[in-house]
Structure formats: structure tokens, C-alpha cells
Amino acid sequence: MTEEVMDLVLKYQSGIGAWMDVLDHASNYRRQVTRRAASSALLMYSICALSAKQMSLVGEHSVWEPVAGRFYGQSLRLLIHDLNQLDARYDEVFVATILLCSYELLADPGPDYRKHLEGVSSLLRSHCLSSITTDLDKASFWIYARHDVAMALINYCPTLVATGEWPLAMSGPNCEEDVAGNKVLWLLAKVIELRFAPPGSITQDDYQQSLRDIGTEMDKWWDDLPSTSRGLSSGEVSEDGLSHLWFCVQSAG
């Protein structure tokens, strides 16, 4: 490992890696992914590309942008190579694609970004959706889901992966904040799916019933939240009736 690579991995763990893990209390993308990267050039270069891209936005752009582009190119070549191998480790390919999609989101969410998201959705359907069982696979899916929901909102269309194909987002009175966050993401995707359904694909009666079902699910989600997930008011109330809220756990905010 070169000093440059080590520096970028450390920046990833203390920087954008925290965003990747915001709805994962197990911190799989800062722990499991970096462990895997020790023996995977694809993951290592993908981490370095994303870390350098973040630094180009918060640090000296002229210094970090060439570094980001170099590692992005290297990781993309390795990803294309692995996708053409019959014995490819699809869990690592999945993670690398998520990292590169996050890179493209920071760079410019244009055609390449959408193309990679479509690639992830195809990968999920062909290899992963039916076998998402490990903590890392679940973490990867829910990061993908955040991208998918954002892209759907930008383009006024349903998510690439229909909500009926999503892994179950468990929730209940004793659920952790990260699980509650993933459940509300699923509910948002359900709303998007209903709002942007193709014309004529659903009757008015079914539409109204689906709205009621989602409303019931949302009420249950809210009622099941522990009090610490609702935030504690801090400071004076503004003229608009708003106040600062402090959350015990980051993912609750």
C-alpha cells in the first residue's frame, strides 16, 4: 500500500464513509469494505476514487481532481474486467459499483451516473436480489436504494427496482434508528411508485386504496418510533413555531 492510498483510505473512513454508513449502525462500508479492500484492488481503487473526489470538493480542487480521475479510471477498468469473468465475486462487484455511483453523484449526476444505476439494478435482478442475506449485501442495497429514490425524484419516474422486489425493511417498537430510516425510505419509494405510475396502469379505486395503505404504514412507522428517535427540542421556538432538534443518534436526524 502506498502512502497516497493509505491517506485516501483514512480520509474515506473519517469522511464520506460516514455518509455511506448513515443508515447502517454496523458501519459495514467503513469496516467490512475496507477489510475486503486489503485483498481487492477493485475495492481499494474505488475507495480511493470516492475519497479523492470528496476531497476535490472540500479541499484544493486542482490537487485532488486529477487523483480522483486517475483512481476512477483504474477502478472502472477493473470493474469492467470483473463483470466479464465467470468467477467474479458479485458481492465485491456490487460494492464497487455502489462506490463508483457515489463518485458520479459527487462529480455530476448525468448520463454515466444513470447508466451505472441501471447497471446496478440489472446486477441486482440477475445475481443479488434473491440472495441478499449478509450484512454487507444489505448495506449495499440500502445505499443503492437511496440513489434509486433520488434519481426517481429527479426524473419524475418510479424507482428502477420496484418496491415489491426490495428486501424486507423490518421495523417495530424496538427497532434501531437505521432500520427505521430504511423503512421510511421504502415508504417514500412506494409513494413515488404510485405518483409516477404509467397512465392507465392502475384504476382510481386501486390508487385510492394504495394511498390509504401507505398512510396506514406511515402512521404505524411513526407510532413505533422510540422517543429518542423523535428528537429533543433545544433553544427557543422561532416565529414560525420551529425549534432546533437534537438527535441522540445521527441516523435519526
C-alpha atoms as a PDB file:
ATOM      1  CA  MET A   1       0.000   0.000   0.000  1.00  0.00           C
ATOM      2  CA  THR A   2       1.426   3.374  -0.991  1.00  0.00           C
ATOM      3  CA  GLU A   3       1.277   6.407   1.284  1.00  0.00           C
ATOM      4  CA  GLU A   4      -1.173   8.012  -1.146  1.00  0.00           C
ATOM      5  CA  VAL A   5      -3.542   5.052  -0.958  1.00  0.00           C
ATOM      6  CA  MET A   6      -3.277   4.847   2.832  1.00  0.00           C
ATOM      7  CA  ASP A   7      -4.022   8.568   3.142  1.00  0.00           C
ATOM      8  CA  LEU A   8      -7.106   8.271   0.934  1.00  0.00           C
ATOM      9  CA  VAL A   9      -8.437   5.241   2.814  1.00  0.00           C
ATOM     10  CA  LEU A  10      -8.055   7.088   6.126  1.00  0.00           C
ATOM     11  CA  LYS A  11      -9.851  10.106   4.644  1.00  0.00           C
ATOM     12  CA  TYR A  12     -12.613   7.795   3.427  1.00  0.00           C
ATOM     13  CA  GLN A  13     -13.071   6.221   6.867  1.00  0.00           C
ATOM     14  CA  SER A  14     -13.323   9.592   8.610  1.00  0.00           C
ATOM     15  CA  GLY A  15     -15.106  11.390   5.767  1.00  0.00           C
ATOM     16  CA  ILE A  16     -17.554  10.188   3.149  1.00  0.00           C
ATOM     17  CA  GLY A  17     -17.546   6.667   4.575  1.00  0.00           C
ATOM     18  CA  ALA A  18     -19.678   8.060   7.400  1.00  0.00           C
ATOM     19  CA  TRP A  19     -22.295   9.145   4.836  1.00  0.00           C
ATOM     20  CA  MET A  20     -22.262   5.688   3.278  1.00  0.00           C
ATOM     21  CA  ASP A  21     -22.996   4.214   6.723  1.00  0.00           C
ATOM     22  CA  VAL A  22     -25.505   6.815   7.909  1.00  0.00           C
ATOM     23  CA  LEU A  23     -28.317   4.218   7.888  1.00  0.00           C
ATOM     24  CA  ASP A  24     -26.135   1.302   8.952  1.00  0.00           C
ATOM     25  CA  HIS A  25     -25.169   1.160  12.612  1.00  0.00           C
ATOM     26  CA  ALA A  26     -22.780  -1.721  11.874  1.00  0.00           C
ATOM     27  CA  SER A  27     -20.702   0.654   9.683  1.00  0.00           C
ATOM     28  CA  ASN A  28     -20.179  -2.007   7.029  1.00  0.00           C
ATOM     29  CA  TYR A  29     -18.761   0.413   4.466  1.00  0.00           C
ATOM     30  CA  ARG A  30     -16.117   1.683   6.868  1.00  0.00           C
ATOM     31  CA  ARG A  31     -15.329  -1.726   8.345  1.00  0.00           C
ATOM     32  CA  GLN A  32     -16.163  -4.640   6.066  1.00  0.00           C
ATOM     33  CA  VAL A  33     -15.450  -2.849   2.788  1.00  0.00           C
ATOM     34  CA  THR A  34     -12.048  -1.605   3.907  1.00  0.00           C
ATOM     35  CA  ARG A  35     -11.200  -5.111   5.170  1.00  0.00           C
ATOM     36  CA  ARG A  36     -12.119  -6.560   1.788  1.00  0.00           C
ATOM     37  CA  ALA A  37     -10.136  -3.824   0.048  1.00  0.00           C
ATOM     38  CA  ALA A  38      -6.931  -5.114   1.637  1.00  0.00           C
ATOM     39  CA  SER A  39      -7.093  -8.039  -0.809  1.00  0.00           C
ATOM     40  CA  SER A  40      -9.083  -6.441  -3.662  1.00  0.00           C
ATOM     41  CA  ALA A  41      -7.574  -3.834  -5.981  1.00  0.00           C
ATOM     42  CA  LEU A  42     -11.063  -3.123  -7.339  1.00  0.00           C
ATOM     43  CA  LEU A  43     -12.398  -2.110  -3.931  1.00  0.00           C
ATOM     44  CA  MET A  44      -9.215  -0.294  -2.930  1.00  0.00           C
ATOM     45  CA  TYR A  45      -9.145   1.871  -6.061  1.00  0.00           C
ATOM     46  CA  SER A  46     -12.899   2.520  -5.818  1.00  0.00           C
ATOM     47  CA  ILE A  47     -12.487   3.734  -2.228  1.00  0.00           C
ATOM     48  CA  CYS A  48      -9.572   5.949  -3.265  1.00  0.00           C
ATOM     49  CA  ALA A  49     -11.535   7.394  -6.191  1.00  0.00           C
ATOM     50  CA  LEU A  50     -14.518   8.311  -3.997  1.00  0.00           C
ATOM     51  CA  SER A  51     -12.328   9.691  -1.216  1.00  0.00           C
ATOM     52  CA  ALA A  52     -10.307  11.844  -3.628  1.00  0.00           C
ATOM     53  CA  LYS A  53     -13.492  13.105  -5.312  1.00  0.00           C
ATOM     54  CA  GLN A  54     -14.843  14.250  -1.949  1.00  0.00           C
ATOM     55  CA  MET A  55     -11.528  15.968  -1.206  1.00  0.00           C
ATOM     56  CA  SER A  56     -11.732  17.774  -4.553  1.00  0.00           C
ATOM     57  CA  LEU A  57     -14.971  19.357  -3.327  1.00  0.00           C
ATOM     58  CA  VAL A  58     -13.900  20.259   0.199  1.00  0.00           C
ATOM     59  CA  GLY A  59     -10.149  20.767  -0.316  1.00  0.00           C
ATOM     60  CA  GLU A  60      -7.969  22.036  -3.145  1.00  0.00           C
ATOM     61  CA  HIS A  61      -9.806  21.054  -6.325  1.00  0.00           C
ATOM     62  CA  SER A  62      -6.768  21.338  -8.596  1.00  0.00           C
ATOM     63  CA  VAL A  63      -4.796  18.963  -6.369  1.00  0.00           C
ATOM     64  CA  TRP A  64      -7.416  16.277  -5.773  1.00  0.00           C
ATOM     65  CA  GLU A  65      -9.373  16.204  -9.043  1.00  0.00           C
ATOM     66  CA  PRO A  66      -6.563  14.543 -11.087  1.00  0.00           C
ATOM     67  CA  VAL A  67      -6.076  11.995  -8.294  1.00  0.00           C
ATOM     68  CA  ALA A  68      -9.799  11.221  -8.269  1.00  0.00           C
ATOM     69  CA  GLY A  69      -9.872  10.822 -12.049  1.00  0.00           C
ATOM     70  CA  ARG A  70      -6.854   8.508 -12.031  1.00  0.00           C
ATOM     71  CA  PHE A  71      -8.282   6.145  -9.417  1.00  0.00           C
ATOM     72  CA  TYR A  72     -11.727   6.287 -11.033  1.00  0.00           C
ATOM     73  CA  GLY A  73     -10.259   5.189 -14.353  1.00  0.00           C
ATOM     74  CA  GLN A  74      -8.318   2.352 -12.732  1.00  0.00           C
ATOM     75  CA  SER A  75     -11.306   1.082 -10.773  1.00  0.00           C
ATOM     76  CA  LEU A  76     -13.613   1.324 -13.801  1.00  0.00           C
ATOM     77  CA  ARG A  77     -11.240  -0.808 -15.889  1.00  0.00           C
ATOM     78  CA  LEU A  78     -11.069  -3.422 -13.129  1.00  0.00           C
ATOM     79  CA  LEU A  79     -14.864  -3.386 -12.762  1.00  0.00           C
ATOM     80  CA  ILE A  80     -15.394  -3.974 -16.488  1.00  0.00           C
ATOM     81  CA  HIS A  81     -12.850  -6.805 -16.379  1.00  0.00           C
ATOM     82  CA  ASP A  82     -14.546  -8.476 -13.397  1.00  0.00           C
ATOM     83  CA  LEU A  83     -18.001  -8.213 -14.950  1.00  0.00           C
ATOM     84  CA  ASN A  84     -16.736 -10.306 -17.861  1.00  0.00           C
ATOM     85  CA  GLN A  85     -15.369 -13.068 -15.623  1.00  0.00           C
ATOM     86  CA  LEU A  86     -17.499 -16.120 -14.898  1.00  0.00           C
ATOM     87  CA  ASP A  87     -15.932 -16.482 -11.454  1.00  0.00           C
ATOM     88  CA  ALA A  88     -16.357 -12.827 -10.458  1.00  0.00           C
ATOM     89  CA  ARG A  89     -17.271 -12.140  -6.822  1.00  0.00           C
ATOM     90  CA  TYR A  90     -20.542 -10.334  -7.334  1.00  0.00           C
ATOM     91  CA  ASP A  91     -20.701  -9.058  -3.764  1.00  0.00           C
ATOM     92  CA  GLU A  92     -17.461  -7.134  -4.408  1.00  0.00           C
ATOM     93  CA  VAL A  93     -18.647  -6.035  -7.853  1.00  0.00           C
ATOM     94  CA  PHE A  94     -21.847  -4.792  -6.188  1.00  0.00           C
ATOM     95  CA  VAL A  95     -19.896  -2.795  -3.585  1.00  0.00           C
ATOM     96  CA  ALA A  96     -17.527  -1.332  -6.190  1.00  0.00           C
ATOM     97  CA  THR A  97     -20.454  -0.226  -8.349  1.00  0.00           C
ATOM     98  CA  ILE A  98     -22.075   1.459  -5.352  1.00  0.00           C
ATOM     99  CA  LEU A  99     -18.816   3.301  -4.585  1.00  0.00           C
ATOM    100  CA  LEU A 100     -18.461   4.436  -8.206  1.00  0.00           C
ATOM    101  CA  CYS A 101     -22.110   5.544  -8.380  1.00  0.00           C
ATOM    102  CA  SER A 102     -21.436   7.658  -5.293  1.00  0.00           C
ATOM    103  CA  TYR A 103     -18.374   9.102  -7.045  1.00  0.00           C
ATOM    104  CA  GLU A 104     -20.500  10.026 -10.074  1.00  0.00           C
ATOM    105  CA  LEU A 105     -23.144  11.594  -7.844  1.00  0.00           C
ATOM    106  CA  LEU A 106     -20.464  13.914  -6.440  1.00  0.00           C
ATOM    107  CA  ALA A 107     -18.987  14.558  -9.882  1.00  0.00           C
ATOM    108  CA  ASP A 108     -22.127  15.203 -11.924  1.00  0.00           C
ATOM    109  CA  PRO A 109     -25.262  13.045 -11.806  1.00  0.00           C
ATOM    110  CA  GLY A 110     -25.529  12.871 -15.600  1.00  0.00           C
ATOM    111  CA  PRO A 111     -25.795  10.030 -18.147  1.00  0.00           C
ATOM    112  CA  ASP A 112     -22.896   7.993 -16.692  1.00  0.00           C
ATOM    113  CA  TYR A 113     -24.484   8.103 -13.249  1.00  0.00           C
ATOM    114  CA  ARG A 114     -27.861   6.920 -14.524  1.00  0.00           C
ATOM    115  CA  LYS A 115     -26.182   4.259 -16.678  1.00  0.00           C
ATOM    116  CA  HIS A 116     -24.358   2.847 -13.663  1.00  0.00           C
ATOM    117  CA  LEU A 117     -27.542   2.870 -11.575  1.00  0.00           C
ATOM    118  CA  GLU A 118     -29.277   0.923 -14.330  1.00  0.00           C
ATOM    119  CA  GLY A 119     -26.312  -1.453 -14.299  1.00  0.00           C
ATOM    120  CA  VAL A 120     -26.689  -1.961 -10.555  1.00  0.00           C
ATOM    121  CA  SER A 121     -30.403  -2.674 -10.933  1.00  0.00           C
ATOM    122  CA  SER A 122     -29.623  -5.289 -13.612  1.00  0.00           C
ATOM    123  CA  LEU A 123     -26.936  -6.816 -11.391  1.00  0.00           C
ATOM    124  CA  LEU A 124     -29.400  -6.964  -8.504  1.00  0.00           C
ATOM    125  CA  ARG A 125     -32.032  -8.748 -10.559  1.00  0.00           C
ATOM    126  CA  SER A 126     -29.641 -11.252 -12.107  1.00  0.00           C
ATOM    127  CA  HIS A 127     -27.424 -12.087  -9.138  1.00  0.00           C
ATOM    128  CA  CYS A 128     -28.210 -10.389  -5.866  1.00  0.00           C
ATOM    129  CA  LEU A 129     -31.846  -9.644  -5.012  1.00  0.00           C
ATOM    130  CA  SER A 130     -32.721 -13.245  -4.290  1.00  0.00           C
ATOM    131  CA  SER A 131     -29.628 -13.787  -2.163  1.00  0.00           C
ATOM    132  CA  ILE A 132     -29.256 -10.619  -0.087  1.00  0.00           C
ATOM    133  CA  THR A 133     -28.509 -12.211   3.259  1.00  0.00           C
ATOM    134  CA  THR A 134     -25.183 -10.862   4.523  1.00  0.00           C
ATOM    135  CA  ASP A 135     -24.908  -7.583   6.414  1.00  0.00           C
ATOM    136  CA  LEU A 136     -22.678  -6.146   3.677  1.00  0.00           C
ATOM    137  CA  ASP A 137     -25.144  -7.069   0.920  1.00  0.00           C
ATOM    138  CA  LYS A 138     -27.956  -5.431   2.888  1.00  0.00           C
ATOM    139  CA  ALA A 139     -25.878  -2.299   3.480  1.00  0.00           C
ATOM    140  CA  SER A 140     -25.044  -2.145  -0.236  1.00  0.00           C
ATOM    141  CA  PHE A 141     -28.686  -2.496  -1.210  1.00  0.00           C
ATOM    142  CA  TRP A 142     -29.902   0.295   1.062  1.00  0.00           C
ATOM    143  CA  ILE A 143     -27.220   2.662  -0.220  1.00  0.00           C
ATOM    144  CA  TYR A 144     -28.321   1.759  -3.737  1.00  0.00           C
ATOM    145  CA  ALA A 145     -31.934   2.402  -2.715  1.00  0.00           C
ATOM    146  CA  ARG A 146     -31.050   5.957  -1.643  1.00  0.00           C
ATOM    147  CA  HIS A 147     -29.542   6.559  -5.084  1.00  0.00           C
ATOM    148  CA  ASP A 148     -32.538   4.973  -6.812  1.00  0.00           C
ATOM    149  CA  VAL A 149     -35.054   7.104  -4.898  1.00  0.00           C
ATOM    150  CA  ALA A 150     -33.077  10.297  -5.581  1.00  0.00           C
ATOM    151  CA  MET A 151     -32.873   9.515  -9.303  1.00  0.00           C
ATOM    152  CA  ALA A 152     -36.602   8.751  -9.405  1.00  0.00           C
ATOM    153  CA  LEU A 153     -37.411  12.132  -7.845  1.00  0.00           C
ATOM    154  CA  ILE A 154     -35.099  13.954 -10.262  1.00  0.00           C
ATOM    155  CA  ASN A 155     -36.672  12.262 -13.300  1.00  0.00           C
ATOM    156  CA  TYR A 156     -40.299  12.055 -12.090  1.00  0.00           C
ATOM    157  CA  CYS A 157     -40.453   8.289 -12.562  1.00  0.00           C
ATOM    158  CA  PRO A 158     -40.715   5.120 -10.458  1.00  0.00           C
ATOM    159  CA  THR A 159     -37.581   3.579  -8.985  1.00  0.00           C
ATOM    160  CA  LEU A 160     -35.548   1.270 -11.235  1.00  0.00           C
ATOM    161  CA  VAL A 161     -36.091  -1.603  -8.806  1.00  0.00           C
ATOM    162  CA  ALA A 162     -39.784  -1.897  -7.929  1.00  0.00           C
ATOM    163  CA  THR A 163     -40.558  -1.753  -4.212  1.00  0.00           C
ATOM    164  CA  GLY A 164     -42.075  -5.226  -4.407  1.00  0.00           C
ATOM    165  CA  GLU A 165     -38.575  -6.554  -5.149  1.00  0.00           C
ATOM    166  CA  TRP A 166     -36.879  -4.769  -2.229  1.00  0.00           C
ATOM    167  CA  PRO A 167     -35.621  -6.780   0.749  1.00  0.00           C
ATOM    168  CA  LEU A 168     -37.961  -6.513   3.709  1.00  0.00           C
ATOM    169  CA  ALA A 169     -37.311  -3.429   5.843  1.00  0.00           C
ATOM    170  CA  MET A 170     -38.123  -4.736   9.311  1.00  0.00           C
ATOM    171  CA  SER A 171     -39.492  -2.297  11.860  1.00  0.00           C
ATOM    172  CA  GLY A 172     -41.288  -2.377  15.183  1.00  0.00           C
ATOM    173  CA  PRO A 173     -41.409  -0.783  18.640  1.00  0.00           C
ATOM    174  CA  ASN A 174     -37.815  -1.774  19.450  1.00  0.00           C
ATOM    175  CA  CYS A 175     -36.164  -1.220  16.067  1.00  0.00           C
ATOM    176  CA  GLU A 176     -32.891   0.679  15.749  1.00  0.00           C
ATOM    177  CA  GLU A 177     -32.804   4.094  14.087  1.00  0.00           C
ATOM    178  CA  ASP A 178     -31.032   2.791  10.982  1.00  0.00           C
ATOM    179  CA  VAL A 179     -33.780   0.220  10.398  1.00  0.00           C
ATOM    180  CA  ALA A 180     -36.451   2.897  10.886  1.00  0.00           C
ATOM    181  CA  GLY A 181     -34.624   5.087   8.361  1.00  0.00           C
ATOM    182  CA  ASN A 182     -34.578   2.323   5.773  1.00  0.00           C
ATOM    183  CA  LYS A 183     -38.284   1.671   6.366  1.00  0.00           C
ATOM    184  CA  VAL A 184     -39.207   5.291   5.681  1.00  0.00           C
ATOM    185  CA  LEU A 185     -37.047   5.183   2.536  1.00  0.00           C
ATOM    186  CA  TRP A 186     -39.113   2.200   1.392  1.00  0.00           C
ATOM    187  CA  LEU A 187     -42.321   4.115   2.148  1.00  0.00           C
ATOM    188  CA  LEU A 188     -41.062   7.097   0.136  1.00  0.00           C
ATOM    189  CA  ALA A 189     -40.309   4.767  -2.776  1.00  0.00           C
ATOM    190  CA  LYS A 190     -43.875   3.416  -2.506  1.00  0.00           C
ATOM    191  CA  VAL A 191     -45.247   6.964  -2.774  1.00  0.00           C
ATOM    192  CA  ILE A 192     -43.013   7.680  -5.788  1.00  0.00           C
ATOM    193  CA  GLU A 193     -44.077   4.424  -7.424  1.00  0.00           C
ATOM    194  CA  LEU A 194     -47.729   5.341  -7.009  1.00  0.00           C
ATOM    195  CA  ARG A 195     -47.347   9.001  -8.009  1.00  0.00           C
ATOM    196  CA  PHE A 196     -45.412   8.288 -11.202  1.00  0.00           C
ATOM    197  CA  ALA A 197     -47.139   5.068 -12.244  1.00  0.00           C
ATOM    198  CA  PRO A 198     -47.652   4.887 -16.041  1.00  0.00           C
ATOM    199  CA  PRO A 199     -51.040   6.260 -17.164  1.00  0.00           C
ATOM    200  CA  GLY A 200     -53.728   3.588 -17.176  1.00  0.00           C
ATOM    201  CA  SER A 201     -51.658   1.111 -15.166  1.00  0.00           C
ATOM    202  CA  ILE A 202     -53.831   1.431 -12.052  1.00  0.00           C
ATOM    203  CA  THR A 203     -57.537   2.093 -11.531  1.00  0.00           C
ATOM    204  CA  GLN A 204     -58.752   5.039  -9.478  1.00  0.00           C
ATOM    205  CA  ASP A 205     -60.127   2.716  -6.793  1.00  0.00           C
ATOM    206  CA  ASP A 206     -56.817   0.852  -6.520  1.00  0.00           C
ATOM    207  CA  TYR A 207     -54.961   4.168  -6.438  1.00  0.00           C
ATOM    208  CA  GLN A 208     -57.047   5.432  -3.523  1.00  0.00           C
ATOM    209  CA  GLN A 209     -56.690   2.126  -1.656  1.00  0.00           C
ATOM    210  CA  SER A 210     -52.910   2.175  -2.157  1.00  0.00           C
ATOM    211  CA  LEU A 211     -52.794   5.714  -0.753  1.00  0.00           C
ATOM    212  CA  ARG A 212     -54.725   4.604   2.321  1.00  0.00           C
ATOM    213  CA  ASP A 213     -52.437   1.596   2.782  1.00  0.00           C
ATOM    214  CA  ILE A 214     -49.326   3.783   2.608  1.00  0.00           C
ATOM    215  CA  GLY A 215     -50.888   6.232   5.067  1.00  0.00           C
ATOM    216  CA  THR A 216     -51.571   3.378   7.485  1.00  0.00           C
ATOM    217  CA  GLU A 217     -47.977   2.147   7.111  1.00  0.00           C
ATOM    218  CA  MET A 218     -46.650   5.658   7.792  1.00  0.00           C
ATOM    219  CA  ASP A 219     -48.779   6.045  10.912  1.00  0.00           C
ATOM    220  CA  LYS A 220     -47.537   2.700  12.199  1.00  0.00           C
ATOM    221  CA  TRP A 221     -43.924   3.671  11.422  1.00  0.00           C
ATOM    222  CA  TRP A 222     -44.331   6.898  13.409  1.00  0.00           C
ATOM    223  CA  ASP A 223     -46.089   5.219  16.329  1.00  0.00           C
ATOM    224  CA  ASP A 224     -43.345   2.578  16.568  1.00  0.00           C
ATOM    225  CA  LEU A 225     -40.516   5.126  16.761  1.00  0.00           C
ATOM    226  CA  PRO A 226     -38.797   5.245  20.160  1.00  0.00           C
ATOM    227  CA  SER A 227     -38.942   8.665  21.828  1.00  0.00           C
ATOM    228  CA  THR A 228     -35.195   9.181  21.270  1.00  0.00           C
ATOM    229  CA  SER A 229     -35.780   8.994  17.510  1.00  0.00           C
ATOM    230  CA  ARG A 230     -38.161  11.960  17.538  1.00  0.00           C
ATOM    231  CA  GLY A 231     -35.530  14.474  18.603  1.00  0.00           C
ATOM    232  CA  LEU A 232     -35.207  16.631  21.700  1.00  0.00           C
ATOM    233  CA  SER A 233     -36.109  20.295  21.381  1.00  0.00           C
ATOM    234  CA  SER A 234     -33.300  22.754  22.088  1.00  0.00           C
ATOM    235  CA  GLY A 235     -33.399  26.534  22.351  1.00  0.00           C
ATOM    236  CA  GLU A 236     -36.234  28.976  21.817  1.00  0.00           C
ATOM    237  CA  VAL A 237     -39.102  28.441  19.411  1.00  0.00           C
ATOM    238  CA  SER A 238     -38.899  30.646  16.305  1.00  0.00           C
ATOM    239  CA  GLU A 239     -41.698  32.862  14.981  1.00  0.00           C
ATOM    240  CA  ASP A 240     -42.590  30.028  12.616  1.00  0.00           C
ATOM    241  CA  GLY A 241     -43.098  27.685  15.552  1.00  0.00           C
ATOM    242  CA  LEU A 242     -39.894  25.765  14.847  1.00  0.00           C
ATOM    243  CA  SER A 243     -37.049  24.877  17.179  1.00  0.00           C
ATOM    244  CA  HIS A 244     -33.702  23.130  16.936  1.00  0.00           C
ATOM    245  CA  LEU A 245     -33.877  19.388  17.451  1.00  0.00           C
ATOM    246  CA  TRP A 246     -31.060  17.258  18.825  1.00  0.00           C
ATOM    247  CA  PHE A 247     -30.985  13.567  17.941  1.00  0.00           C
ATOM    248  CA  CYS A 248     -29.198  11.031  20.116  1.00  0.00           C
ATOM    249  CA  VAL A 249     -28.178   9.018  17.044  1.00  0.00           C
ATOM    250  CA  GLN A 250     -27.111  10.517  13.706  1.00  0.00           C
ATOM    251  CA  SER A 251     -29.301   8.267  11.600  1.00  0.00           C
ATOM    252  CA  ALA A 252     -32.435   9.507  13.398  1.00  0.00           C
ATOM    253  CA  GLY A 253     -31.929  13.040  12.076  1.00  0.00           C
END
